C-alpha cells in the first residue's frame, strides 16, 4: 500500500523523469521543424504575392470574360429597343403564349395572327404555290 506524503515531505521523483522530459522536448522540436518544412513546401515563393483574380470566368487575349446571359440568348442581328433589350417577334410571343396555355399557365391565345409585320418575316416563295 502507498504511503501518503504530507505537506512538509517531498515526494521522490523517478530516475527516468529527466530523461523522459528531455526526450519529449527533442521530439517536440523535431515535429515543429518538420512542420515548418512542410508548410514552406506549400507556401508561395518569397516575394511572389499573388493578387486575387478579378476574372472568375477566365480570360481571352488578356481580357476578362464577363458573362452576359441576355446577349447569349439572342444572336447579334436581333434589333433592340431603346433600353437595349432584344425585340421579340409576334410569332415568338404567340408561340410563348401557346406554350403557357399548354402548360396550364395562361388563357387560350386564339388562332395565329398575321406575322407579316415581323422584322424577320420571310414571305412565302410564289413559285411554291400550286
C-alpha atoms as a PDB file:
ATOM      1  CA  UNK A   1       0.000   0.000   0.000  1.00  0.00           C
ATOM      2  CA  UNK A   2       1.228   3.516  -0.842  1.00  0.00           C
ATOM      3  CA  UNK A   3       2.082   5.897   1.854  1.00  0.00           C
ATOM      4  CA  UNK A   4       0.658   9.331   1.779  1.00  0.00           C
ATOM      5  CA  UNK A   5       3.059  12.200   1.542  1.00  0.00           C
ATOM      6  CA  UNK A   6       2.388  15.015   3.971  1.00  0.00           C
ATOM      7  CA  UNK A   7       2.750  18.727   3.431  1.00  0.00           C
ATOM      8  CA  UNK A   8       6.260  19.073   4.650  1.00  0.00           C
ATOM      9  CA  UNK A   9       7.633  15.974   2.975  1.00  0.00           C
ATOM     10  CA  UNK A  10       8.916  15.873  -0.582  1.00  0.00           C
ATOM     11  CA  UNK A  11       7.903  13.122  -2.959  1.00  0.00           C
ATOM     12  CA  UNK A  12      10.682  11.196  -4.678  1.00  0.00           C
ATOM     13  CA  UNK A  13      10.902  11.616  -8.433  1.00  0.00           C
ATOM     14  CA  UNK A  14      11.514   8.734 -10.761  1.00  0.00           C
ATOM     15  CA  UNK A  15      15.082   8.495 -12.063  1.00  0.00           C
ATOM     16  CA  UNK A  16      13.654   8.340 -15.616  1.00  0.00           C
ATOM     17  CA  UNK A  17      11.738  11.646 -15.352  1.00  0.00           C
ATOM     18  CA  UNK A  18      14.539  13.962 -16.598  1.00  0.00           C
ATOM     19  CA  UNK A  19      15.302  11.571 -19.452  1.00  0.00           C
ATOM     20  CA  UNK A  20      11.629  11.441 -20.491  1.00  0.00           C
ATOM     21  CA  UNK A  21      11.321  15.237 -20.294  1.00  0.00           C
ATOM     22  CA  UNK A  22      14.431  15.732 -22.458  1.00  0.00           C
ATOM     23  CA  UNK A  23      13.200  13.150 -24.991  1.00  0.00           C
ATOM     24  CA  UNK A  24       9.802  14.870 -25.159  1.00  0.00           C
ATOM     25  CA  UNK A  25      11.395  18.281 -25.775  1.00  0.00           C
ATOM     26  CA  UNK A  26      13.598  16.888 -28.554  1.00  0.00           C
ATOM     27  CA  UNK A  27      10.604  15.157 -30.186  1.00  0.00           C
ATOM     28  CA  UNK A  28       8.513  18.337 -29.977  1.00  0.00           C
ATOM     29  CA  UNK A  29      11.303  20.429 -31.512  1.00  0.00           C
ATOM     30  CA  UNK A  30      11.734  17.897 -34.337  1.00  0.00           C
ATOM     31  CA  UNK A  31       7.983  17.910 -35.031  1.00  0.00           C
ATOM     32  CA  UNK A  32       7.883  21.714 -35.131  1.00  0.00           C
ATOM     33  CA  UNK A  33      10.871  21.868 -37.518  1.00  0.00           C
ATOM     34  CA  UNK A  34       9.368  19.225 -39.782  1.00  0.00           C
ATOM     35  CA  UNK A  35       6.023  21.052 -39.746  1.00  0.00           C
ATOM     36  CA  UNK A  36       7.733  24.291 -40.801  1.00  0.00           C
ATOM     37  CA  UNK A  37       9.409  22.427 -43.685  1.00  0.00           C
ATOM     38  CA  UNK A  38       6.056  21.064 -44.873  1.00  0.00           C
ATOM     39  CA  UNK A  39       4.438  24.497 -44.557  1.00  0.00           C
ATOM     40  CA  UNK A  40       7.215  26.126 -46.582  1.00  0.00           C
ATOM     41  CA  UNK A  41       6.907  23.478 -49.291  1.00  0.00           C
ATOM     42  CA  UNK A  42       3.327  24.597 -49.997  1.00  0.00           C
ATOM     43  CA  UNK A  43       3.849  28.322 -49.429  1.00  0.00           C
ATOM     44  CA  UNK A  44       4.239  30.662 -52.424  1.00  0.00           C
ATOM     45  CA  UNK A  45       7.809  31.689 -53.276  1.00  0.00           C
ATOM     46  CA  UNK A  46       9.268  34.651 -51.439  1.00  0.00           C
ATOM     47  CA  UNK A  47       8.310  37.986 -52.991  1.00  0.00           C
ATOM     48  CA  UNK A  48       5.654  36.435 -55.214  1.00  0.00           C
ATOM     49  CA  UNK A  49       2.448  37.910 -53.925  1.00  0.00           C
ATOM     50  CA  UNK A  50      -0.498  36.705 -55.950  1.00  0.00           C
ATOM     51  CA  UNK A  51      -3.427  39.044 -56.345  1.00  0.00           C
ATOM     52  CA  UNK A  52      -6.895  37.647 -56.309  1.00  0.00           C
ATOM     53  CA  UNK A  53      -8.099  37.018 -59.828  1.00  0.00           C
ATOM     54  CA  UNK A  54     -10.575  39.614 -60.996  1.00  0.00           C
ATOM     55  CA  UNK A  55     -11.652  37.317 -63.825  1.00  0.00           C
ATOM     56  CA  UNK A  56     -13.564  34.402 -62.264  1.00  0.00           C
ATOM     57  CA  UNK A  57     -14.657  33.147 -65.715  1.00  0.00           C
ATOM     58  CA  UNK A  58     -11.160  33.310 -67.227  1.00  0.00           C
ATOM     59  CA  UNK A  59      -9.538  35.486 -69.837  1.00  0.00           C
ATOM     60  CA  UNK A  60      -9.372  35.583 -73.618  1.00  0.00           C
ATOM     61  CA  UNK A  61      -6.467  37.511 -75.099  1.00  0.00           C
ATOM     62  CA  UNK A  62      -5.696  39.025 -71.698  1.00  0.00           C
ATOM     63  CA  UNK A  63      -9.195  40.471 -71.334  1.00  0.00           C
ATOM     64  CA  UNK A  64     -11.535  39.037 -68.665  1.00  0.00           C
ATOM     65  CA  UNK A  65     -14.592  37.096 -69.764  1.00  0.00           C
ATOM     66  CA  UNK A  66     -17.690  38.853 -68.443  1.00  0.00           C
ATOM     67  CA  UNK A  67     -20.782  36.705 -68.881  1.00  0.00           C
ATOM     68  CA  UNK A  68     -23.862  38.402 -70.301  1.00  0.00           C
ATOM     69  CA  UNK A  69     -26.761  35.943 -70.276  1.00  0.00           C
ATOM     70  CA  UNK A  70     -29.064  38.348 -72.104  1.00  0.00           C
ATOM     71  CA  UNK A  71     -26.647  38.683 -75.014  1.00  0.00           C
ATOM     72  CA  UNK A  72     -26.088  34.932 -75.158  1.00  0.00           C
ATOM     73  CA  UNK A  73     -29.794  34.230 -75.711  1.00  0.00           C
ATOM     74  CA  UNK A  74     -30.107  36.326 -78.844  1.00  0.00           C
ATOM     75  CA  UNK A  75     -27.893  36.495 -81.935  1.00  0.00           C
ATOM     76  CA  UNK A  76     -26.156  39.725 -82.916  1.00  0.00           C
ATOM     77  CA  UNK A  77     -28.635  40.613 -85.687  1.00  0.00           C
ATOM     78  CA  UNK A  78     -31.652  40.932 -83.394  1.00  0.00           C
ATOM     79  CA  UNK A  79     -32.945  44.518 -83.203  1.00  0.00           C
ATOM     80  CA  UNK A  80     -33.121  46.075 -79.754  1.00  0.00           C
ATOM     81  CA  UNK A  81     -35.439  48.616 -78.204  1.00  0.00           C
ATOM     82  CA  UNK A  82     -34.369  51.933 -76.661  1.00  0.00           C
ATOM     83  CA  UNK A  83     -33.361  50.173 -73.411  1.00  0.00           C
ATOM     84  CA  UNK A  84     -31.145  47.670 -75.201  1.00  0.00           C
ATOM     85  CA  UNK A  85     -33.434  44.681 -74.753  1.00  0.00           C
ATOM     86  CA  UNK A  86     -33.984  42.375 -77.725  1.00  0.00           C
ATOM     87  CA  UNK A  87     -37.243  42.822 -79.600  1.00  0.00           C
ATOM     88  CA  UNK A  88     -39.070  39.543 -79.945  1.00  0.00           C
ATOM     89  CA  UNK A  89     -41.351  38.868 -82.899  1.00  0.00           C
ATOM     90  CA  UNK A  90     -45.107  38.374 -82.863  1.00  0.00           C
ATOM     91  CA  UNK A  91     -44.508  34.743 -83.810  1.00  0.00           C
ATOM     92  CA  UNK A  92     -42.213  34.187 -80.792  1.00  0.00           C
ATOM     93  CA  UNK A  93     -44.743  35.858 -78.496  1.00  0.00           C
ATOM     94  CA  UNK A  94     -47.580  33.753 -79.914  1.00  0.00           C
ATOM     95  CA  UNK A  95     -45.530  30.542 -79.511  1.00  0.00           C
ATOM     96  CA  UNK A  96     -44.771  31.537 -75.911  1.00  0.00           C
ATOM     97  CA  UNK A  97     -48.468  32.121 -75.241  1.00  0.00           C
ATOM     98  CA  UNK A  98     -49.377  28.726 -76.752  1.00  0.00           C
ATOM     99  CA  UNK A  99     -46.709  27.022 -74.625  1.00  0.00           C
ATOM    100  CA  UNK A 100     -48.017  28.725 -71.499  1.00  0.00           C
ATOM    101  CA  UNK A 101     -51.562  27.623 -72.363  1.00  0.00           C
ATOM    102  CA  UNK A 102     -50.421  24.017 -72.918  1.00  0.00           C
ATOM    103  CA  UNK A 103     -48.632  24.064 -69.556  1.00  0.00           C
ATOM    104  CA  UNK A 104     -51.709  25.487 -67.834  1.00  0.00           C
ATOM    105  CA  UNK A 105     -50.214  28.913 -67.151  1.00  0.00           C
ATOM    106  CA  UNK A 106     -52.350  31.170 -69.310  1.00  0.00           C
ATOM    107  CA  UNK A 107     -55.522  31.614 -71.371  1.00  0.00           C
ATOM    108  CA  UNK A 108     -56.051  30.184 -74.841  1.00  0.00           C
ATOM    109  CA  UNK A 109     -54.204  32.530 -77.247  1.00  0.00           C
ATOM    110  CA  UNK A 110     -56.629  32.056 -80.118  1.00  0.00           C
ATOM    111  CA  UNK A 111     -55.814  31.401 -83.758  1.00  0.00           C
ATOM    112  CA  UNK A 112     -52.396  32.504 -85.037  1.00  0.00           C
ATOM    113  CA  UNK A 113     -52.339  36.141 -86.172  1.00  0.00           C
ATOM    114  CA  UNK A 114     -50.755  37.582 -89.304  1.00  0.00           C
ATOM    115  CA  UNK A 115     -46.981  37.553 -88.812  1.00  0.00           C
ATOM    116  CA  UNK A 116     -46.128  39.580 -91.926  1.00  0.00           C
ATOM    117  CA  UNK A 117     -45.301  42.675 -89.828  1.00  0.00           C
ATOM    118  CA  UNK A 118     -42.464  40.891 -88.003  1.00  0.00           C
ATOM    119  CA  UNK A 119     -38.945  42.157 -88.630  1.00  0.00           C
ATOM    120  CA  UNK A 120     -37.750  38.635 -89.520  1.00  0.00           C
ATOM    121  CA  UNK A 121     -40.743  37.712 -91.690  1.00  0.00           C
ATOM    122  CA  UNK A 122     -39.825  35.965 -94.924  1.00  0.00           C
ATOM    123  CA  UNK A 123     -42.735  35.870 -97.358  1.00  0.00           C
ATOM    124  CA  UNK A 124     -43.506  32.520 -98.946  1.00  0.00           C
ATOM    125  CA  UNK A 125     -41.992  31.913-102.361  1.00  0.00           C
ATOM    126  CA  UNK A 126     -44.659  32.455-105.059  1.00  0.00           C
ATOM    127  CA  UNK A 127     -43.203  29.534-107.026  1.00  0.00           C
ATOM    128  CA  UNK A 128     -44.089  27.188-104.169  1.00  0.00           C
ATOM    129  CA  UNK A 129     -47.819  27.928-104.534  1.00  0.00           C
ATOM    130  CA  UNK A 130     -49.597  25.370-106.648  1.00  0.00           C
END
